Protein backbone atom coordinates (compact mmCIF):
# COMPACT_ATOMS: atom_id res chain seq x y z
CA UNK A 1 61.94 21.66 40.00
CA UNK A 2 65.75 22.05 39.28
CA UNK A 3 65.48 18.87 37.27
CA UNK A 4 62.62 20.26 35.12
CA UNK A 5 64.62 23.48 34.37
CA UNK A 6 67.60 21.41 33.45
CA UNK A 7 65.47 19.26 31.12
CA UNK A 8 63.87 22.44 29.57
CA UNK A 9 67.06 24.38 29.20
CA UNK A 10 68.83 21.20 27.49
CA UNK A 11 65.76 20.82 25.04
CA UNK A 12 65.99 24.58 24.41
CA UNK A 13 69.69 24.36 23.41
CA UNK A 14 69.15 21.19 21.62
CA UNK A 15 66.33 22.41 19.42
CA UNK A 16 67.52 26.01 19.15
CA UNK A 17 66.97 27.43 15.57
CA UNK A 18 67.94 30.86 14.28
CA UNK A 19 65.15 33.28 13.80
CA UNK A 20 64.77 34.44 10.51
CA UNK A 21 66.53 34.07 7.22
CA UNK A 22 70.03 35.12 6.24
CA UNK A 23 70.69 38.53 4.95
CA UNK A 24 74.28 37.82 4.04
CA UNK A 25 76.63 34.88 4.33
CA UNK A 26 80.20 35.38 3.58
CA UNK A 27 81.53 32.05 2.28
CA UNK A 28 84.92 33.26 1.28
CA UNK A 29 87.46 31.86 3.87
CA UNK A 30 89.38 35.07 3.64
CA UNK A 31 86.43 37.29 4.21
CA UNK A 32 85.14 35.08 7.02
CA UNK A 33 88.56 35.25 8.70
CA UNK A 34 88.51 39.13 8.37
CA UNK A 35 85.18 39.46 9.69
CA UNK A 36 85.78 37.22 12.63
CA UNK A 37 88.90 38.98 13.41
CA UNK A 38 87.30 42.42 13.27
CA UNK A 39 84.49 40.81 15.48
CA UNK A 40 86.96 39.65 18.05
CA UNK A 41 88.98 42.99 17.84
CA UNK A 42 85.61 44.80 18.57
CA UNK A 43 85.18 42.66 21.66
CA UNK A 44 88.73 42.88 22.67
CA UNK A 45 88.71 46.70 22.45
CA UNK A 46 85.48 46.98 24.55
CA UNK A 47 87.31 45.13 27.32
CA UNK A 48 90.45 47.22 26.89
CA UNK A 49 88.41 50.45 26.77
CA UNK A 50 86.80 49.50 30.13
CA UNK A 51 90.15 48.96 31.70
CA UNK A 52 91.54 52.29 30.24
CA UNK A 53 88.85 54.37 32.23
CA UNK A 54 88.69 52.14 35.23
CA UNK A 55 86.80 48.70 34.52
CA UNK A 56 85.66 48.44 38.33
CA UNK A 57 84.29 51.88 38.56
CA UNK A 58 82.31 51.66 35.16
CA UNK A 59 80.52 48.44 36.58
CA UNK A 60 80.17 49.89 40.21
CA UNK A 61 82.54 47.40 41.86
CA UNK A 62 84.85 50.28 43.36
CA UNK A 63 81.84 52.07 44.57
CA UNK A 64 80.62 48.92 46.53
CA UNK A 65 84.20 48.17 47.71
CA UNK A 66 84.38 51.63 49.17
CA UNK A 67 81.06 51.49 50.74
CA UNK A 68 81.78 48.10 52.34
CA UNK A 69 85.26 49.53 53.79
CA UNK A 70 83.28 52.79 54.87
CA UNK A 71 85.41 55.04 52.69
CA UNK A 72 83.89 58.01 50.86
CA UNK A 73 83.44 57.67 47.02
CA UNK A 74 85.48 60.32 45.45
CA UNK A 75 84.92 60.97 41.72
CA UNK A 76 87.67 59.94 39.53
CA UNK A 77 89.69 62.51 37.66
CA UNK A 78 89.03 62.99 33.91
CA UNK A 79 91.54 61.34 31.92
CA UNK A 80 91.96 60.43 28.13
CA UNK A 81 94.11 57.30 27.60
CA UNK A 82 95.10 55.68 24.24
CA UNK A 83 91.47 55.00 22.72
CA UNK A 84 89.94 58.11 24.08
CA UNK A 85 92.50 60.14 22.31
CA UNK A 86 91.24 58.86 19.07
CA UNK A 87 87.38 58.89 19.63
CA UNK A 88 85.45 60.22 22.59
CA UNK A 89 83.29 57.10 23.02
CA UNK A 90 85.39 54.11 21.98
CA UNK A 91 83.19 51.75 23.99
CA UNK A 92 80.21 52.43 21.84
CA UNK A 93 82.45 52.29 18.50
CA UNK A 94 83.81 48.90 19.60
CA UNK A 95 80.29 47.38 20.36
CA UNK A 96 79.04 48.59 16.93
CA UNK A 97 82.23 46.79 15.34
CA UNK A 98 81.40 43.70 17.15
CA UNK A 99 77.82 43.81 16.47
CA UNK A 100 78.21 44.46 12.52
CA UNK A 101 81.19 42.49 11.49
CA UNK A 102 79.95 38.87 11.34
CA UNK A 103 80.01 36.72 8.26
CA UNK A 104 76.44 35.44 8.55
CA UNK A 105 73.84 38.23 9.18
CA UNK A 106 70.22 36.92 10.07
CA UNK A 107 67.10 38.94 10.27
CA UNK A 108 67.13 38.66 14.10
CA UNK A 109 70.96 39.68 14.29
CA UNK A 110 70.09 42.58 11.85
CA UNK A 111 67.18 43.80 14.12
CA UNK A 112 69.56 43.62 17.05
CA UNK A 113 72.26 45.49 15.44
CA UNK A 114 69.92 48.09 14.15
CA UNK A 115 68.23 48.69 17.34
CA UNK A 116 71.50 48.64 19.30
CA UNK A 117 72.89 51.16 16.97
CA UNK A 118 70.15 53.45 17.42
CA UNK A 119 70.35 53.21 21.03
CA UNK A 120 73.98 53.95 21.09
CA UNK A 121 73.56 56.98 18.85
CA UNK A 122 70.96 58.32 21.31
CA UNK A 123 72.98 57.28 24.46
CA UNK A 124 75.97 59.23 23.16
CA UNK A 125 73.96 62.33 23.24
CA UNK A 126 72.85 61.80 26.67
CA UNK A 127 76.16 60.86 27.88
CA UNK A 128 77.81 63.84 26.28
CA UNK A 129 75.35 66.05 28.35
CA UNK A 130 76.26 64.31 31.61
CA UNK A 131 80.01 64.57 31.01
CA UNK A 132 79.77 68.26 30.19
CA UNK A 133 77.64 68.81 33.35
CA UNK A 134 80.12 66.79 35.47
CA UNK A 135 83.35 67.83 34.07
CA UNK A 136 82.63 71.30 32.63
CA UNK A 137 85.30 73.16 30.70
CA UNK A 138 87.61 70.23 30.71
CA UNK A 139 85.17 68.09 28.77
CA UNK A 140 84.38 71.07 26.52
CA UNK A 141 88.07 71.22 25.63
CA UNK A 142 87.99 67.44 25.14
CA UNK A 143 85.06 67.74 22.64
CA UNK A 144 86.89 70.31 20.49
CA UNK A 145 89.86 68.04 20.15
CA UNK A 146 88.50 64.58 19.81
CA UNK A 147 85.77 63.47 17.20
CA UNK A 148 82.57 61.77 18.90
CA UNK A 149 82.14 58.86 16.71
CA UNK A 150 84.66 58.22 13.98
CA UNK A 151 87.97 57.71 15.28
CA UNK A 152 90.67 60.21 14.49
CA UNK A 153 92.85 57.77 12.52
CA UNK A 154 89.87 57.33 9.97
CA UNK A 155 89.42 61.03 9.77
CA UNK A 156 93.01 61.69 9.17
CA UNK A 157 93.15 59.40 6.09
CA UNK A 158 89.94 60.92 4.92
CA UNK A 159 91.22 64.35 5.40
CA UNK A 160 94.49 63.64 3.69
CA UNK A 161 92.67 61.92 0.59
CA UNK A 162 90.32 64.85 0.23
CA UNK A 163 93.23 67.39 0.61
CA UNK A 164 95.11 65.47 -2.12
CA UNK A 165 92.07 65.34 -4.42
CA UNK A 166 91.74 69.25 -3.88
CA UNK A 167 95.31 69.75 -4.92
CA UNK A 168 95.11 67.63 -8.02
CA UNK A 169 91.89 69.54 -9.07
CA UNK A 170 93.66 72.89 -8.97
């Protein structure tokens, strides 16, 4: 049976064809490098964001470790390290960066990116409710200080540009 699975998997990898045609294909080497760099940065930032808030707790490893050692699982304190001071949900933002910044977008990848984006936008709403219920006023204050989806450093540039435009108009 294992031999059959190995042969089937080998054939599948060998004969693999992308589903659907290309939506876009960036051929410019600079453009490709830029998009691959953003793609890698997205995945790197996802990993970084998990470690900033406690990677092992996020994936349930800490809870299992405490259970095996017969220790009580106490909730972690609320904290907002580096990325979490720029945007409330950096994991989601970084995933979107990784999903959308590719030089070749096929129909299959586009469907994946669109559905994942919709899921993330819905998940943010659910997570916000859970975080308010769990952390209360601490999270409410955080919501007032930090943007939900667009990182602060982007918002700062937009705000400065719009203020400059208003100043010129008067």
